[in-house]
Amino acid sequence: AFPAITDLSSEEQDLLCKNYFPKFCLIDNAHRTRMVWGEIKTFAMCSVMSAVDLTRPDLWLGEERGEQHRKSIISTVHAQYEAQFPIFVPTLVRAQITTMEFYAVIALTLCENASSSHLSEQTLSVLDDIRAEILEDLQRYYKDEIGLSDFSTRLGNLITVSHVIQECVSLSEEFAIMQHKLFDLYANDDF
């Protein structure tokens, strides 16, 4: 979708992908869940074909997986879910994004990079150009396809969703680092 990314070094592309993947999963899973069930309450889509029962974290990891650390892995993942969803879901619900806006949020989250200190000036410039392209396309979409003359609220909602996704991923990273450094839960576990 954005050919300028292919001009970046493979290291920069890897860093972008590593930073982007959790954000993509969060927005994609939440959007799919709302499309299938209308709300994010009991079930959440993990992919096009799989879902998880949010009320039964004990089922998230099979009995044969994780062995000695199964309960702590499940409680860690459940704690992250409990921390992220109350922040993210109300923002997403209030935004009431369309499918086209969903695609825009996916692209905007690529440009929302908390680890920008690790990115080169060229990469930051490419991300700025992508963000500008997305915002221009959204303005055209709002004016020409939806017929809105004042789209500031809708655009503001999308930017807010993008920022909230970044915040949730940052909190998740901090939580994982804390778990690892303070409790050293999985030091000897390859799983």
Protein backbone atom coordinates (compact mmCIF):
# COMPACT_ATOMS: atom_id res chain seq x y z
CA ALA A 1 0.00 0.00 0.00
CA PHE A 2 2.91 2.35 0.71
CA PRO A 3 5.79 1.69 -1.73
CA ALA A 4 8.09 4.19 0.02
CA ILE A 5 8.49 1.69 2.88
CA THR A 6 10.25 -0.72 0.51
CA ASP A 7 12.93 1.93 -0.04
CA LEU A 8 13.89 1.78 3.64
CA SER A 9 16.65 -0.47 4.90
CA SER A 10 15.64 -3.98 5.95
CA GLU A 11 16.54 -3.09 9.55
CA GLU A 12 14.17 -0.11 9.49
CA GLN A 13 11.44 -2.23 7.90
CA ASP A 14 11.92 -4.88 10.60
CA LEU A 15 11.68 -2.28 13.35
CA LEU A 16 8.52 -0.80 11.82
CA CYS A 17 6.98 -4.27 11.56
CA LYS A 18 7.87 -5.21 15.14
CA ASN A 19 6.36 -1.98 16.44
CA TYR A 20 3.31 -2.20 14.20
CA PHE A 21 2.25 -5.83 14.63
CA PRO A 22 0.74 -5.56 18.15
CA LYS A 23 -1.11 -2.38 17.19
CA PHE A 24 -2.48 -4.03 14.06
CA CYS A 25 -3.64 -7.05 16.06
CA LEU A 26 -5.39 -4.89 18.64
CA ILE A 27 -7.38 -2.81 16.14
CA ASP A 28 -8.04 -5.72 13.78
CA ASN A 29 -9.29 -8.02 16.52
CA ALA A 30 -11.48 -5.32 18.07
CA HIS A 31 -12.97 -4.32 14.72
CA ARG A 32 -13.65 -7.94 13.72
CA THR A 33 -15.26 -8.59 17.09
CA ARG A 34 -17.60 -5.61 16.68
CA MET A 35 -18.46 -6.69 13.13
CA VAL A 36 -19.31 -10.26 14.21
CA TRP A 37 -20.89 -9.76 17.67
CA GLY A 38 -21.69 -6.07 17.70
CA GLU A 39 -19.86 -5.56 20.98
CA ILE A 40 -16.71 -6.62 22.77
CA LYS A 41 -18.04 -8.29 25.85
CA THR A 42 -18.07 -12.09 25.90
CA PHE A 43 -16.11 -13.08 22.81
CA ALA A 44 -13.23 -11.56 20.86
CA MET A 45 -12.09 -12.43 17.37
CA CYS A 46 -8.44 -13.49 17.18
CA SER A 47 -8.47 -13.89 13.40
CA VAL A 48 -10.97 -14.33 10.60
CA MET A 49 -11.70 -17.89 11.75
CA SER A 50 -10.97 -18.00 15.48
CA ALA A 51 -12.34 -16.38 18.58
CA VAL A 52 -11.70 -16.47 22.31
CA ASP A 53 -14.16 -16.52 25.19
CA LEU A 54 -13.20 -13.48 27.27
CA THR A 55 -15.03 -14.85 30.30
CA ARG A 56 -12.94 -18.05 30.36
CA PRO A 57 -9.22 -17.20 30.42
CA ASP A 58 -8.51 -20.76 31.58
CA LEU A 59 -9.34 -21.88 28.01
CA TRP A 60 -6.92 -19.46 26.33
CA LEU A 61 -4.00 -21.85 26.59
CA GLY A 62 -4.47 -25.59 26.24
CA GLU A 63 -3.66 -27.89 29.14
CA GLU A 64 -0.67 -29.30 27.27
CA ARG A 65 0.83 -25.87 26.58
CA GLY A 66 2.96 -23.86 28.97
CA GLU A 67 3.30 -26.72 31.45
CA GLN A 68 4.62 -25.40 34.76
CA HIS A 69 3.94 -21.74 33.97
CA ARG A 70 0.49 -22.17 32.40
CA LYS A 71 -1.40 -20.37 35.18
CA SER A 72 1.02 -17.46 35.35
CA ILE A 73 1.01 -17.07 31.55
CA ILE A 74 -2.79 -17.00 31.52
CA SER A 75 -2.95 -14.55 34.43
CA THR A 76 -0.39 -12.29 32.73
CA VAL A 77 -2.32 -12.24 29.45
CA HIS A 78 -5.61 -11.75 31.32
CA ALA A 79 -4.13 -8.85 33.31
CA GLN A 80 -3.05 -7.17 30.06
CA TYR A 81 -6.52 -7.69 28.60
CA GLU A 82 -8.09 -6.23 31.75
CA ALA A 83 -5.77 -3.21 31.53
CA GLN A 84 -6.19 -2.53 27.79
CA PHE A 85 -9.84 -3.15 27.01
CA PRO A 86 -11.33 -0.59 29.42
CA ILE A 87 -9.13 2.04 27.78
CA PHE A 88 -9.47 0.98 24.16
CA VAL A 89 -13.01 -0.39 23.73
CA PRO A 90 -14.98 2.71 24.84
CA THR A 91 -12.87 4.89 22.55
CA LEU A 92 -13.46 2.56 19.61
CA VAL A 93 -17.21 2.30 20.33
CA ARG A 94 -17.60 6.10 20.60
CA ALA A 95 -15.77 6.58 17.28
CA GLN A 96 -18.24 4.31 15.42
CA ILE A 97 -15.77 3.86 12.59
CA THR A 98 -16.82 2.76 9.13
CA THR A 99 -14.92 0.12 7.18
CA MET A 100 -13.08 2.84 5.26
CA GLU A 101 -12.13 4.55 8.52
CA PHE A 102 -10.98 1.19 9.88
CA TYR A 103 -8.51 0.96 6.99
CA ALA A 104 -7.37 4.51 7.73
CA VAL A 105 -6.83 3.71 11.43
CA ILE A 106 -4.78 0.67 10.47
CA ALA A 107 -2.54 2.89 8.36
CA LEU A 108 -2.45 5.74 10.90
CA THR A 109 -1.27 3.36 13.62
CA LEU A 110 1.69 2.49 11.41
CA CYS A 111 2.69 6.16 11.56
CA GLU A 112 2.12 6.38 15.33
CA ASN A 113 5.50 5.20 16.53
CA ALA A 114 6.49 5.42 20.19
CA SER A 115 10.01 4.24 19.48
CA SER A 116 10.71 7.02 16.99
CA SER A 117 14.06 7.62 18.69
CA HIS A 118 15.18 4.32 17.15
CA LEU A 119 14.09 5.31 13.64
CA SER A 120 16.14 7.18 11.07
CA GLU A 121 15.17 10.61 9.75
CA GLN A 122 14.36 8.99 6.40
CA THR A 123 11.91 6.58 8.05
CA LEU A 124 10.26 9.34 10.06
CA SER A 125 9.91 11.38 6.88
CA VAL A 126 8.30 8.42 5.07
CA LEU A 127 5.87 7.97 7.97
CA ASP A 128 5.01 11.69 7.90
CA ASP A 129 4.32 11.45 4.15
CA ILE A 130 2.10 8.38 4.68
CA ARG A 131 0.19 10.15 7.46
CA ALA A 132 -0.36 13.19 5.22
CA GLU A 133 -1.58 10.94 2.38
CA ILE A 134 -4.02 9.17 4.69
CA LEU A 135 -5.39 12.44 6.06
CA GLU A 136 -5.86 13.82 2.52
CA ASP A 137 -7.65 10.62 1.47
CA LEU A 138 -9.88 10.82 4.55
CA GLN A 139 -10.80 14.43 3.78
CA ARG A 140 -11.70 13.42 0.22
CA TYR A 141 -13.72 10.46 1.57
CA TYR A 142 -15.62 12.65 4.02
CA LYS A 143 -16.36 15.38 1.47
CA ASP A 144 -17.03 13.34 -1.68
CA GLU A 145 -18.34 9.97 -0.51
CA ILE A 146 -20.10 10.77 2.76
CA GLY A 147 -20.94 14.40 1.97
CA LEU A 148 -19.73 15.89 5.24
CA SER A 149 -18.73 19.53 5.25
CA ASP A 150 -17.51 19.44 8.87
CA PHE A 151 -15.61 16.23 9.49
CA SER A 152 -13.40 17.47 12.31
CA THR A 153 -15.13 15.30 14.94
CA ARG A 154 -14.82 12.12 12.87
CA LEU A 155 -11.19 12.84 12.04
CA GLY A 156 -10.46 13.67 15.67
CA ASN A 157 -12.03 10.38 16.75
CA LEU A 158 -9.77 8.44 14.38
CA ILE A 159 -6.66 10.22 15.64
CA THR A 160 -7.79 9.49 19.21
CA VAL A 161 -8.29 5.79 18.41
CA SER A 162 -4.82 5.71 16.89
CA HIS A 163 -3.27 7.31 19.99
CA VAL A 164 -5.16 5.02 22.34
CA ILE A 165 -3.90 1.97 20.43
CA GLN A 166 -0.34 3.26 20.82
CA GLU A 167 -0.90 3.85 24.54
CA CYS A 168 -2.30 0.34 25.05
CA VAL A 169 0.64 -1.25 23.27
CA SER A 170 3.08 0.88 25.28
CA LEU A 171 1.39 -0.17 28.53
CA SER A 172 1.54 -3.78 27.41
CA GLU A 173 5.27 -3.50 26.68
CA GLU A 174 5.89 -1.91 30.08
CA PHE A 175 3.86 -4.63 31.76
CA ALA A 176 5.84 -7.38 30.00
CA ILE A 177 9.16 -5.76 30.91
CA MET A 178 8.06 -5.43 34.54
CA GLN A 179 6.96 -9.07 34.65
CA HIS A 180 10.25 -10.20 33.17
CA LYS A 181 12.59 -7.97 35.17
CA LEU A 182 10.87 -8.02 38.54
CA PHE A 183 9.56 -11.53 38.67
CA ASP A 184 11.72 -13.33 36.10
CA LEU A 185 8.75 -15.61 35.50
CA TYR A 186 9.88 -17.28 32.31
CA ALA A 187 13.67 -17.28 32.57
CA ASN A 188 14.04 -21.02 32.00
CA ASP A 189 11.00 -21.57 29.79
CA ASP A 190 11.45 -21.68 26.02
CA PHE A 191 7.67 -21.64 25.51
